[in-house]
C-alpha atoms as a PDB file:
ATOM      1  CA  MET A   1     178.209   8.796 152.764  1.00  0.00           C
ATOM      2  CA  SER A   2     174.956   7.987 151.041  1.00  0.00           C
ATOM      3  CA  VAL A   3     174.234   8.398 147.365  1.00  0.00           C
ATOM      4  CA  ARG A   4     170.707   9.593 146.535  1.00  0.00           C
ATOM      5  CA  SER A   5     169.313   8.611 143.104  1.00  0.00           C
ATOM      6  CA  THR A   6     168.084  11.430 140.884  1.00  0.00           C
ATOM      7  CA  LEU A   7     166.012   9.140 138.661  1.00  0.00           C
ATOM      8  CA  PRO A   8     162.212   9.506 138.989  1.00  0.00           C
ATOM      9  CA  PRO A   9     160.509   6.638 140.699  1.00  0.00           C
ATOM     10  CA  PHE A  10     158.693   4.137 138.532  1.00  0.00           C
ATOM     11  CA  SER A  11     154.959   4.035 138.857  1.00  0.00           C
ATOM     12  CA  VAL A  12     153.106   0.809 138.791  1.00  0.00           C
ATOM     13  CA  GLY A  13     151.905  -0.012 135.247  1.00  0.00           C
ATOM     14  CA  ALA A  14     153.688   2.965 133.717  1.00  0.00           C
ATOM     15  CA  GLY A  15     156.152   1.104 131.637  1.00  0.00           C
ATOM     16  CA  SER A  16     158.554  -0.004 134.339  1.00  0.00           C
ATOM     17  CA  PRO A  17     160.942  -2.821 133.604  1.00  0.00           C
ATOM     18  CA  HIS A  18     158.869  -5.057 135.827  1.00  0.00           C
ATOM     19  CA  HIS A  19     155.578  -3.948 134.348  1.00  0.00           C
ATOM     20  CA  PRO A  20     155.980  -3.457 130.555  1.00  0.00           C
ATOM     21  CA  ASP A  21     153.317  -1.551 128.630  1.00  0.00           C
ATOM     22  CA  PRO A  22     150.684  -3.678 126.935  1.00  0.00           C
ATOM     23  CA  PRO A  23     150.854  -3.910 123.122  1.00  0.00           C
ATOM     24  CA  PRO A  24     148.878  -1.185 121.343  1.00  0.00           C
ATOM     25  CA  GLN A  25     145.408  -2.093 120.271  1.00  0.00           C
ATOM     26  CA  ALA A  26     144.161  -1.701 116.711  1.00  0.00           C
ATOM     27  CA  GLY A  27     143.271   1.928 116.035  1.00  0.00           C
ATOM     28  CA  GLU A  28     145.226   3.252 119.060  1.00  0.00           C
ATOM     29  CA  GLY A  29     148.792   3.250 117.810  1.00  0.00           C
ATOM     30  CA  ASN A  30     150.204   1.338 114.904  1.00  0.00           C
ATOM     31  CA  PRO A  31     147.693   0.645 112.139  1.00  0.00           C
ATOM     32  CA  SER A  32     146.226  -2.777 111.936  1.00  0.00           C
ATOM     33  CA  PRO A  33     147.534  -4.988 109.143  1.00  0.00           C
ATOM     34  CA  GLY A  34     145.678  -5.133 105.869  1.00  0.00           C
ATOM     35  CA  PRO A  35     144.333  -2.379 103.577  1.00  0.00           C
ATOM     36  CA  GLN A  36     143.118   0.686 105.399  1.00  0.00           C
ATOM     37  CA  VAL A  37     139.805   2.159 104.302  1.00  0.00           C
ATOM     38  CA  GLY A  38     140.076   5.886 104.852  1.00  0.00           C
ATOM     39  CA  ALA A  39     141.471   9.145 103.601  1.00  0.00           C
ATOM     40  CA  GLY A  40     144.939   7.698 103.047  1.00  0.00           C
ATOM     41  CA  ASN A  41     143.837   4.925 100.685  1.00  0.00           C
ATOM     42  CA  PRO A  42     144.797   5.768  97.053  1.00  0.00           C
ATOM     43  CA  ALA A  43     141.699   4.028  95.705  1.00  0.00           C
ATOM     44  CA  THR A  44     139.487   6.143  97.953  1.00  0.00           C
ATOM     45  CA  LEU A  45     141.327   9.310  96.934  1.00  0.00           C
ATOM     46  CA  ASP A  46     140.840   8.501  93.241  1.00  0.00           C
ATOM     47  CA  ALA A  47     137.150   7.786  93.775  1.00  0.00           C
ATOM     48  CA  ASP A  48     136.697  11.059  95.640  1.00  0.00           C
ATOM     49  CA  LEU A  49     138.546  12.972  92.929  1.00  0.00           C
ATOM     50  CA  LEU A  50     136.419  11.429  90.182  1.00  0.00           C
ATOM     51  CA  ALA A  51     133.259  12.181  92.136  1.00  0.00           C
ATOM     52  CA  ARG A  52     134.264  15.822  92.592  1.00  0.00           C
ATOM     53  CA  ARG A  53     135.113  16.117  88.908  1.00  0.00           C
ATOM     54  CA  SER A  54     131.789  14.576  87.945  1.00  0.00           C
ATOM     55  CA  ARG A  55     129.878  16.980  90.216  1.00  0.00           C
ATOM     56  CA  SER A  56     131.861  19.914  88.863  1.00  0.00           C
ATOM     57  CA  ALA A  57     131.143  18.839  85.279  1.00  0.00           C
ATOM     58  CA  ARG A  58     127.407  18.543  85.995  1.00  0.00           C
ATOM     59  CA  ARG A  59     127.321  21.947  87.629  1.00  0.00           C
ATOM     60  CA  ARG A  60     129.172  23.456  84.675  1.00  0.00           C
ATOM     61  CA  ARG A  61     126.801  21.905  82.142  1.00  0.00           C
ATOM     62  CA  LEU A  62     123.789  23.047  84.144  1.00  0.00           C
ATOM     63  CA  THR A  63     125.220  26.561  84.362  1.00  0.00           C
ATOM     64  CA  ILE A  64     125.810  26.668  80.621  1.00  0.00           C
ATOM     65  CA  TYR A  65     122.285  25.486  79.828  1.00  0.00           C
ATOM     66  CA  VAL A  66     120.773  27.994  82.237  1.00  0.00           C
ATOM     67  CA  LEU A  67     122.831  30.830  80.742  1.00  0.00           C
ATOM     68  CA  ARG A  68     121.836  29.772  77.230  1.00  0.00           C
ATOM     69  CA  LEU A  69     118.169  29.768  78.199  1.00  0.00           C
ATOM     70  CA  ALA A  70     118.556  33.137  79.900  1.00  0.00           C
ATOM     71  CA  PHE A  71     120.250  34.579  76.817  1.00  0.00           C
ATOM     72  CA  ALA A  72     117.472  33.291  74.541  1.00  0.00           C
ATOM     73  CA  VAL A  73     114.760  34.678  76.835  1.00  0.00           C
ATOM     74  CA  LEU A  74     116.504  38.036  77.086  1.00  0.00           C
ATOM     75  CA  TRP A  75     117.068  38.253  73.337  1.00  0.00           C
ATOM     76  CA  LEU A  76     113.577  37.196  72.253  1.00  0.00           C
ATOM     77  CA  GLY A  77     111.901  39.086  75.094  1.00  0.00           C
ATOM     78  CA  SER A  78     113.647  42.352  74.248  1.00  0.00           C
ATOM     79  CA  TRP A  79     112.821  41.834  70.570  1.00  0.00           C
ATOM     80  CA  GLU A  80     109.139  41.256  71.333  1.00  0.00           C
ATOM     81  CA  LEU A  81     108.970  44.103  73.808  1.00  0.00           C
ATOM     82  CA  THR A  82     110.587  46.725  71.582  1.00  0.00           C
ATOM     83  CA  THR A  83     108.286  45.878  68.676  1.00  0.00           C
ATOM     84  CA  ARG A  84     105.120  45.845  70.808  1.00  0.00           C
ATOM     85  CA  LEU A  85     106.016  49.242  72.274  1.00  0.00           C
ATOM     86  CA  ASN A  86     106.675  50.494  68.710  1.00  0.00           C
ATOM     87  CA  TRP A  87     110.241  51.424  69.584  1.00  0.00           C
ATOM     88  CA  VAL A  88     111.146  49.394  66.498  1.00  0.00           C
ATOM     89  CA  ASP A  89     108.799  49.044  63.540  1.00  0.00           C
ATOM     90  CA  PRO A  90     107.700  45.364  63.353  1.00  0.00           C
ATOM     91  CA  PHE A  91     107.103  45.767  59.623  1.00  0.00           C
ATOM     92  CA  PHE A  92     110.875  45.735  59.098  1.00  0.00           C
ATOM     93  CA  VAL A  93     112.089  43.384  61.833  1.00  0.00           C
ATOM     94  CA  GLY A  94     109.057  41.207  62.549  1.00  0.00           C
ATOM     95  CA  GLN A  95     108.085  39.814  65.954  1.00  0.00           C
ATOM     96  CA  PRO A  96     108.969  36.518  67.669  1.00  0.00           C
ATOM     97  CA  SER A  97     105.277  35.860  68.272  1.00  0.00           C
ATOM     98  CA  GLY A  98     104.560  36.519  64.590  1.00  0.00           C
ATOM     99  CA  VAL A  99     107.368  34.186  63.568  1.00  0.00           C
ATOM    100  CA  MET A 100     105.926  31.397  65.712  1.00  0.00           C
ATOM    101  CA  VAL A 101     102.450  31.992  64.288  1.00  0.00           C
ATOM    102  CA  ARG A 102     103.800  31.841  60.727  1.00  0.00           C
ATOM    103  CA  LEU A 103     105.756  28.685  61.513  1.00  0.00           C
ATOM    104  CA  TRP A 104     102.723  27.018  63.067  1.00  0.00           C
ATOM    105  CA  THR A 105     100.635  27.939  60.011  1.00  0.00           C
ATOM    106  CA  TRP A 106     103.216  26.343  57.729  1.00  0.00           C
ATOM    107  CA  ILE A 107     103.265  23.186  59.845  1.00  0.00           C
ATOM    108  CA  THR A 108      99.500  22.763  60.117  1.00  0.00           C
ATOM    109  CA  GLU A 109      98.252  24.204  56.824  1.00  0.00           C
ATOM    110  CA  GLY A 110     101.314  24.001  54.587  1.00  0.00           C
ATOM    111  CA  THR A 111     103.073  26.704  52.601  1.00  0.00           C
ATOM    112  CA  ALA A 112     102.308  28.243  49.230  1.00  0.00           C
ATOM    113  CA  LEU A 113     104.817  25.792  47.696  1.00  0.00           C
ATOM    114  CA  GLY A 114     103.503  22.716  49.485  1.00  0.00           C
ATOM    115  CA  PRO A 115     104.040  21.012  52.850  1.00  0.00           C
ATOM    116  CA  LEU A 116     106.818  22.410  55.013  1.00  0.00           C
ATOM    117  CA  TRP A 117     108.485  19.027  55.446  1.00  0.00           C
ATOM    118  CA  PHE A 118     108.764  18.721  51.657  1.00  0.00           C
ATOM    119  CA  GLN A 119     110.491  22.104  51.381  1.00  0.00           C
ATOM    120  CA  ALA A 120     112.918  21.095  54.132  1.00  0.00           C
ATOM    121  CA  ALA A 121     113.549  17.731  52.459  1.00  0.00           C
ATOM    122  CA  VAL A 122     114.346  19.375  49.111  1.00  0.00           C
ATOM    123  CA  THR A 123     116.855  21.776  50.660  1.00  0.00           C
ATOM    124  CA  MET A 124     118.460  19.048  52.771  1.00  0.00           C
ATOM    125  CA  GLU A 125     118.787  16.781  49.736  1.00  0.00           C
ATOM    126  CA  GLU A 126     120.693  19.500  47.886  1.00  0.00           C
ATOM    127  CA  ALA A 127     122.808  20.366  50.933  1.00  0.00           C
ATOM    128  CA  VAL A 128     123.700  16.764  51.786  1.00  0.00           C
ATOM    129  CA  LEU A 129     124.568  15.973  48.174  1.00  0.00           C
ATOM    130  CA  GLY A 130     126.815  19.023  47.915  1.00  0.00           C
ATOM    131  CA  PHE A 131     128.330  18.275  51.328  1.00  0.00           C
ATOM    132  CA  LEU A 132     129.225  14.689  50.459  1.00  0.00           C
ATOM    133  CA  VAL A 133     130.677  15.475  47.027  1.00  0.00           C
ATOM    134  CA  GLY A 134     132.554  18.569  48.192  1.00  0.00           C
ATOM    135  CA  SER A 135     133.941  16.810  51.271  1.00  0.00           C
ATOM    136  CA  ALA A 136     135.093  13.781  49.280  1.00  0.00           C
ATOM    137  CA  LEU A 137     136.836  15.929  46.669  1.00  0.00           C
ATOM    138  CA  GLY A 138     138.401  18.114  49.343  1.00  0.00           C
ATOM    139  CA  VAL A 139     139.744  15.190  51.361  1.00  0.00           C
ATOM    140  CA  VAL A 140     141.151  13.312  48.347  1.00  0.00           C
ATOM    141  CA  LEU A 141     142.812  16.308  46.720  1.00  0.00           C
ATOM    142  CA  GLY A 142     144.003  17.684  50.054  1.00  0.00           C
ATOM    143  CA  ILE A 143     145.746  14.438  50.961  1.00  0.00           C
ATOM    144  CA  LEU A 144     147.093  14.007  47.434  1.00  0.00           C
ATOM    145  CA  LEU A 145     148.619  17.472  47.216  1.00  0.00           C
ATOM    146  CA  GLY A 146     149.817  17.238  50.798  1.00  0.00           C
ATOM    147  CA  ARG A 147     151.733  14.050  49.963  1.00  0.00           C
ATOM    148  CA  ILE A 148     153.049  15.011  46.530  1.00  0.00           C
ATOM    149  CA  GLU A 149     154.874  18.307  46.795  1.00  0.00           C
ATOM    150  CA  LEU A 150     155.477  18.696  43.057  1.00  0.00           C
ATOM    151  CA  ILE A 151     151.757  18.650  42.232  1.00  0.00           C
ATOM    152  CA  ALA A 152     151.082  21.071  45.098  1.00  0.00           C
ATOM    153  CA  GLU A 153     153.611  23.568  43.757  1.00  0.00           C
ATOM    154  CA  VAL A 154     152.258  23.296  40.199  1.00  0.00           C
ATOM    155  CA  LEU A 155     148.597  23.765  41.169  1.00  0.00           C
ATOM    156  CA  SER A 156     149.177  26.290  43.963  1.00  0.00           C
ATOM    157  CA  PRO A 157     148.494  29.518  41.956  1.00  0.00           C
ATOM    158  CA  PHE A 158     145.404  28.024  40.308  1.00  0.00           C
ATOM    159  CA  ILE A 159     143.911  26.904  43.627  1.00  0.00           C
ATOM    160  CA  LYS A 160     144.617  30.277  45.229  1.00  0.00           C
ATOM    161  CA  GLY A 161     143.048  32.079  42.284  1.00  0.00           C
ATOM    162  CA  ALA A 162     139.946  29.882  42.361  1.00  0.00           C
ATOM    163  CA  ASN A 163     139.662  30.399  46.110  1.00  0.00           C
ATOM    164  CA  ALA A 164     139.615  34.175  45.576  1.00  0.00           C
ATOM    165  CA  ILE A 165     136.514  33.971  43.366  1.00  0.00           C
ATOM    166  CA  PRO A 166     133.273  34.701  45.262  1.00  0.00           C
ATOM    167  CA  ARG A 167     131.722  31.243  45.196  1.00  0.00           C
ATOM    168  CA  VAL A 168     128.186  32.519  45.713  1.00  0.00           C
ATOM    169  CA  VAL A 169     128.399  34.321  42.362  1.00  0.00           C
ATOM    170  CA  LEU A 170     128.877  30.933  40.717  1.00  0.00           C
ATOM    171  CA  GLY A 171     125.289  30.084  41.617  1.00  0.00           C
ATOM    172  CA  SER A 172     124.012  31.973  38.603  1.00  0.00           C
ATOM    173  CA  LEU A 173     126.443  30.104  36.363  1.00  0.00           C
ATOM    174  CA  PHE A 174     125.348  26.758  37.742  1.00  0.00           C
ATOM    175  CA  ALA A 175     121.692  27.757  37.289  1.00  0.00           C
ATOM    176  CA  ILE A 176     122.420  28.320  33.579  1.00  0.00           C
ATOM    177  CA  MET A 177     124.389  25.075  33.251  1.00  0.00           C
ATOM    178  CA  PHE A 178     122.073  22.724  35.165  1.00  0.00           C
ATOM    179  CA  GLY A 179     118.762  24.587  35.067  1.00  0.00           C
ATOM    180  CA  LEU A 180     116.292  23.894  37.881  1.00  0.00           C
ATOM    181  CA  SER A 181     117.635  20.417  38.603  1.00  0.00           C
ATOM    182  CA  VAL A 182     119.026  19.430  41.967  1.00  0.00           C
ATOM    183  CA  TRP A 183     122.587  19.753  40.662  1.00  0.00           C
ATOM    184  CA  GLY A 184     122.076  23.435  39.983  1.00  0.00           C
ATOM    185  CA  LYS A 185     121.834  24.000  43.743  1.00  0.00           C
ATOM    186  CA  ALA A 186     124.121  21.199  44.885  1.00  0.00           C
ATOM    187  CA  SER A 187     126.974  22.500  42.730  1.00  0.00           C
ATOM    188  CA  THR A 188     127.031  25.749  44.662  1.00  0.00           C
ATOM    189  CA  ALA A 189     127.190  23.748  47.881  1.00  0.00           C
ATOM    190  CA  VAL A 190     130.032  21.624  46.454  1.00  0.00           C
ATOM    191  CA  VAL A 191     132.140  24.684  45.698  1.00  0.00           C
ATOM    192  CA  LEU A 192     131.553  26.197  49.131  1.00  0.00           C
ATOM    193  CA  VAL A 193     132.399  22.962  50.933  1.00  0.00           C
ATOM    194  CA  PHE A 194     135.360  21.899  48.812  1.00  0.00           C
ATOM    195  CA  PHE A 195     137.808  24.666  49.642  1.00  0.00           C
ATOM    196  CA  VAL A 196     137.248  24.502  53.413  1.00  0.00           C
ATOM    197  CA  VAL A 197     137.782  20.739  53.540  1.00  0.00           C
ATOM    198  CA  PHE A 198     140.653  20.850  51.028  1.00  0.00           C
ATOM    199  CA  PHE A 199     142.740  23.385  52.932  1.00  0.00           C
ATOM    200  CA  ASN A 200     142.174  21.596  56.249  1.00  0.00           C
ATOM    201  CA  ALA A 201     143.089  18.207  54.802  1.00  0.00           C
ATOM    202  CA  PHE A 202     146.139  19.665  53.068  1.00  0.00           C
ATOM    203  CA  GLN A 203     147.354  21.389  56.224  1.00  0.00           C
ATOM    204  CA  GLY A 204     146.617  18.306  58.324  1.00  0.00           C
ATOM    205  CA  VAL A 205     148.851  16.192  56.101  1.00  0.00           C
ATOM    206  CA  ARG A 206     151.626  18.787  56.252  1.00  0.00           C
ATOM    207  CA  GLU A 207     151.420  18.939  60.062  1.00  0.00           C
ATOM    208  CA  VAL A 208     152.016  15.218  60.628  1.00  0.00           C
ATOM    209  CA  ASP A 209     154.987  14.602  62.931  1.00  0.00           C
ATOM    210  CA  ARG A 210     158.050  14.002  60.737  1.00  0.00           C
ATOM    211  CA  ASN A 211     159.666  11.839  63.399  1.00  0.00           C
ATOM    212  CA  LEU A 212     156.638   9.564  63.307  1.00  0.00           C
ATOM    213  CA  ILE A 213     156.946   9.248  59.535  1.00  0.00           C
ATOM    214  CA  ALA A 214     160.680   8.557  59.797  1.00  0.00           C
ATOM    215  CA  ASN A 215     160.141   5.848  62.400  1.00  0.00           C
ATOM    216  CA  ALA A 216     157.482   4.206  60.242  1.00  0.00           C
ATOM    217  CA  ARG A 217     159.855   4.165  57.276  1.00  0.00           C
ATOM    218  CA  ILE A 218     162.592   2.621  59.422  1.00  0.00           C
ATOM    219  CA  LEU A 219     160.153  -0.135  60.363  1.00  0.00           C
ATOM    220  CA  GLY A 220     159.560  -0.830  56.660  1.00  0.00           C
ATOM    221  CA  ALA A 221     156.280   0.978  55.928  1.00  0.00           C
ATOM    222  CA  ASN A 222     155.723   1.680  52.236  1.00  0.00           C
ATOM    223  CA  ASN A 223     153.954   4.765  50.869  1.00  0.00           C
ATOM    224  CA  ARG A 224     150.540   3.116  50.875  1.00  0.00           C
ATOM    225  CA  ARG A 225     150.728   1.965  54.488  1.00  0.00           C
ATOM    226  CA  LEU A 226     152.326   5.252  55.489  1.00  0.00           C
ATOM    227  CA  THR A 227     149.380   7.157  54.025  1.00  0.00           C
ATOM    228  CA  THR A 228     146.602   4.919  55.318  1.00  0.00           C
ATOM    229  CA  GLU A 229     147.993   4.096  58.770  1.00  0.00           C
ATOM    230  CA  ILE A 230     149.967   7.197  59.737  1.00  0.00           C
ATOM    231  CA  ILE A 231     149.082  10.280  57.702  1.00  0.00           C
ATOM    232  CA  ILE A 232     145.316   9.978  57.323  1.00  0.00           C
ATOM    233  CA  PRO A 233     144.673   9.130  61.010  1.00  0.00           C
ATOM    234  CA  SER A 234     146.938  11.997  62.067  1.00  0.00           C
ATOM    235  CA  ALA A 235     145.102  14.438  59.773  1.00  0.00           C
ATOM    236  CA  MET A 236     141.664  13.166  60.804  1.00  0.00           C
ATOM    237  CA  SER A 237     141.230  15.840  63.477  1.00  0.00           C
ATOM    238  CA  TRP A 238     141.838  18.576  60.887  1.00  0.00           C
ATOM    239  CA  ILE A 239     139.417  16.988  58.429  1.00  0.00           C
ATOM    240  CA  LEU A 240     136.633  16.454  60.952  1.00  0.00           C
ATOM    241  CA  ALA A 241     137.036  19.992  62.253  1.00  0.00           C
ATOM    242  CA  SER A 242     136.384  21.284  58.737  1.00  0.00           C
ATOM    243  CA  LEU A 243     133.209  19.204  58.437  1.00  0.00           C
ATOM    244  CA  HIS A 244     131.586  21.116  61.294  1.00  0.00           C
ATOM    245  CA  ILE A 245     131.940  24.317  59.276  1.00  0.00           C
ATOM    246  CA  SER A 246     131.283  22.746  55.904  1.00  0.00           C
ATOM    247  CA  PHE A 247     127.740  21.526  56.468  1.00  0.00           C
ATOM    248  CA  GLY A 248     126.579  25.019  57.349  1.00  0.00           C
ATOM    249  CA  LEU A 249     128.190  26.214  54.133  1.00  0.00           C
ATOM    250  CA  ALA A 250     126.459  23.406  52.246  1.00  0.00           C
ATOM    251  CA  ILE A 251     123.089  24.690  53.479  1.00  0.00           C
ATOM    252  CA  VAL A 252     124.102  28.206  52.430  1.00  0.00           C
ATOM    253  CA  GLY A 253     125.019  26.909  48.977  1.00  0.00           C
ATOM    254  CA  ALA A 254     121.709  25.078  48.589  1.00  0.00           C
ATOM    255  CA  VAL A 255     119.706  28.131  49.659  1.00  0.00           C
ATOM    256  CA  VAL A 256     121.679  30.464  47.384  1.00  0.00           C
ATOM    257  CA  GLY A 257     121.134  28.072  44.491  1.00  0.00           C
ATOM    258  CA  GLU A 258     117.410  28.102  45.176  1.00  0.00           C
ATOM    259  CA  LEU A 259     117.405  31.891  45.140  1.00  0.00           C
ATOM    260  CA  PHE A 260     118.717  31.791  41.559  1.00  0.00           C
ATOM    261  CA  GLY A 261     115.975  29.451  40.427  1.00  0.00           C
ATOM    262  CA  ALA A 262     113.895  26.710  42.027  1.00  0.00           C
ATOM    263  CA  THR A 263     110.369  25.419  42.306  1.00  0.00           C
ATOM    264  CA  ALA A 264     110.627  24.180  45.905  1.00  0.00           C
ATOM    265  CA  GLY A 265     112.868  24.404  48.929  1.00  0.00           C
ATOM    266  CA  LEU A 266     113.364  26.584  51.964  1.00  0.00           C
ATOM    267  CA  GLY A 267     115.414  29.057  49.948  1.00  0.00           C
ATOM    268  CA  GLN A 268     112.553  29.545  47.511  1.00  0.00           C
ATOM    269  CA  LEU A 269     110.153  29.830  50.451  1.00  0.00           C
ATOM    270  CA  ILE A 270     112.284  32.585  52.008  1.00  0.00           C
ATOM    271  CA  TYR A 271     112.592  34.268  48.614  1.00  0.00           C
ATOM    272  CA  ASN A 272     108.803  34.349  48.179  1.00  0.00           C
ATOM    273  CA  ALA A 273     108.292  35.653  51.709  1.00  0.00           C
ATOM    274  CA  GLY A 274     110.777  38.452  51.131  1.00  0.00           C
ATOM    275  CA  HIS A 275     109.117  39.525  47.897  1.00  0.00           C
ATOM    276  CA  THR A 276     105.738  39.713  49.635  1.00  0.00           C
ATOM    277  CA  PHE A 277     107.183  41.742  52.547  1.00  0.00           C
ATOM    278  CA  ASP A 278     106.502  38.857  54.934  1.00  0.00           C
ATOM    279  CA  VAL A 279     109.346  39.453  57.405  1.00  0.00           C
ATOM    280  CA  ASN A 280     107.974  36.889  59.834  1.00  0.00           C
ATOM    281  CA  GLY A 281     108.022  34.319  57.051  1.00  0.00           C
ATOM    282  CA  VAL A 282     111.674  35.101  56.311  1.00  0.00           C
ATOM    283  CA  PHE A 283     112.599  34.583  59.957  1.00  0.00           C
ATOM    284  CA  ALA A 284     110.505  31.402  60.124  1.00  0.00           C
ATOM    285  CA  GLY A 285     112.412  29.949  57.176  1.00  0.00           C
ATOM    286  CA  MET A 286     115.704  30.934  58.781  1.00  0.00           C
ATOM    287  CA  PHE A 287     114.613  29.248  62.017  1.00  0.00           C
ATOM    288  CA  VAL A 288     113.913  25.962  60.202  1.00  0.00           C
ATOM    289  CA  LEU A 289     117.341  26.143  58.545  1.00  0.00           C
ATOM    290  CA  ALA A 290     118.986  26.712  61.925  1.00  0.00           C
ATOM    291  CA  VAL A 291     117.233  23.684  63.431  1.00  0.00           C
ATOM    292  CA  LEU A 292     118.325  21.480  60.531  1.00  0.00           C
ATOM    293  CA  ALA A 293     121.902  22.730  60.850  1.00  0.00           C
ATOM    294  CA  LEU A 294     121.959  21.927  64.581  1.00  0.00           C
ATOM    295  CA  ILE A 295     120.685  18.403  63.932  1.00  0.00           C
ATOM    296  CA  ALA A 296     123.392  17.867  61.323  1.00  0.00           C
ATOM    297  CA  GLU A 297     125.996  19.272  63.729  1.00  0.00           C
ATOM    298  CA  GLY A 298     124.974  16.690  66.323  1.00  0.00           C
ATOM    299  CA  LEU A 299     125.338  13.865  63.803  1.00  0.00           C
ATOM    300  CA  ILE A 300     128.783  15.081  62.731  1.00  0.00           C
ATOM    301  CA  THR A 301     129.872  15.305  66.372  1.00  0.00           C
ATOM    302  CA  ALA A 302     128.735  11.711  66.947  1.00  0.00           C
ATOM    303  CA  LEU A 303     130.705  10.628  63.871  1.00  0.00           C
ATOM    304  CA  GLU A 304     133.763  12.507  65.132  1.00  0.00           C
ATOM    305  CA  ASN A 305     133.594  10.848  68.550  1.00  0.00           C
ATOM    306  CA  ARG A 306     133.359   7.456  66.897  1.00  0.00           C
ATOM    307  CA  LEU A 307     136.243   7.923  64.456  1.00  0.00           C
ATOM    308  CA  ILE A 308     138.779   9.432  66.865  1.00  0.00           C
ATOM    309  CA  LYS A 309     138.209   7.512  70.081  1.00  0.00           C
ATOM    310  CA  TRP A 310     141.894   7.896  70.919  1.00  0.00           C
ATOM    311  CA  ARG A 311     141.361  11.582  71.679  1.00  0.00           C
ATOM    312  CA  PRO A 312     141.423  12.277  75.457  1.00  0.00           C
ATOM    313  CA  SER A 313     137.944  12.682  76.859  1.00  0.00           C
ATOM    314  CA  ARG A 314     136.908  15.942  78.442  1.00  0.00           C
ATOM    315  CA  VAL A 315     136.925  15.981  82.215  1.00  0.00           C
ATOM    316  CA  SER A 316     136.020  19.576  82.900  1.00  0.00           C
ATOM    317  CA  GLY A 317     132.491  19.342  81.507  1.00  0.00           C
ATOM    318  CA  GLU A 318     132.962  21.924  78.809  1.00  0.00           C
ATOM    319  CA  ILE A 319     130.542  21.955  75.907  1.00  0.00           C
ATOM    320  CA  PRO A 320     132.171  22.555  72.515  1.00  0.00           C
ATOM    321  CA  ILE A 321     130.855  25.234  70.199  1.00  0.00           C
END
């Protein structure tokens, strides 16, 4: 009786016991030792991710700039077109081309009050002075009342009542008190700036993490170190956010003060243009104010980025308002 094997026959070189398979070469089976440069390397993945984020951020910024330009062209083009076709009377709304002509005349030949740069310098001097004084008062009193609850409760109804007063109306009072001096216009800017910065600083102090304060006290921090090293840095975001709004209000205060009485300044220039029915001149003065406000906004943003470097950087490419 013969027994027939059911096992398949071994082929020569196919992994038989007498002919073992050769060891796998690099890249054929097991990976070669050492760091692998490819899709599986974490460093390569991080580099690719950062590159994609950077490209996405650039595309987003480019899209935003293109849309801004398109909006400006559409706005100014429709304005110019409707006035040239007499759908809207240019006597009342002016024309973009007329505004540019008026602005160029002011730059090359000067204004009725003197050179344009001098008018801008006068208004900016008043606005910056009011901005600095109002911001300093707002920050100091905001932090003080935020730290001392008794004083905050005592002064609360007076602050709320003063905040309810239309601050622009105070421009006439300041014109009587200070006359045509720079403080007559800067005081209006101080009042407009103060309340915005004060309420932000006050709320920023109140919003500081209580656990952080408790831990600092456990570690032995006194009131002075607690205020300077914990509370003020924590409230800095609130304070700096208010400064972006406050400088625009400072310009408004300076211009309003000039409307009540001045011998120079962009506010007086706009006032004279309005009284002579020069609508293009009014818009030209407003354009100069807008440019100055944007420059100041850029400087405040640079200051903000320098003071709060600990804030996470943007990775999506968004452009803040």
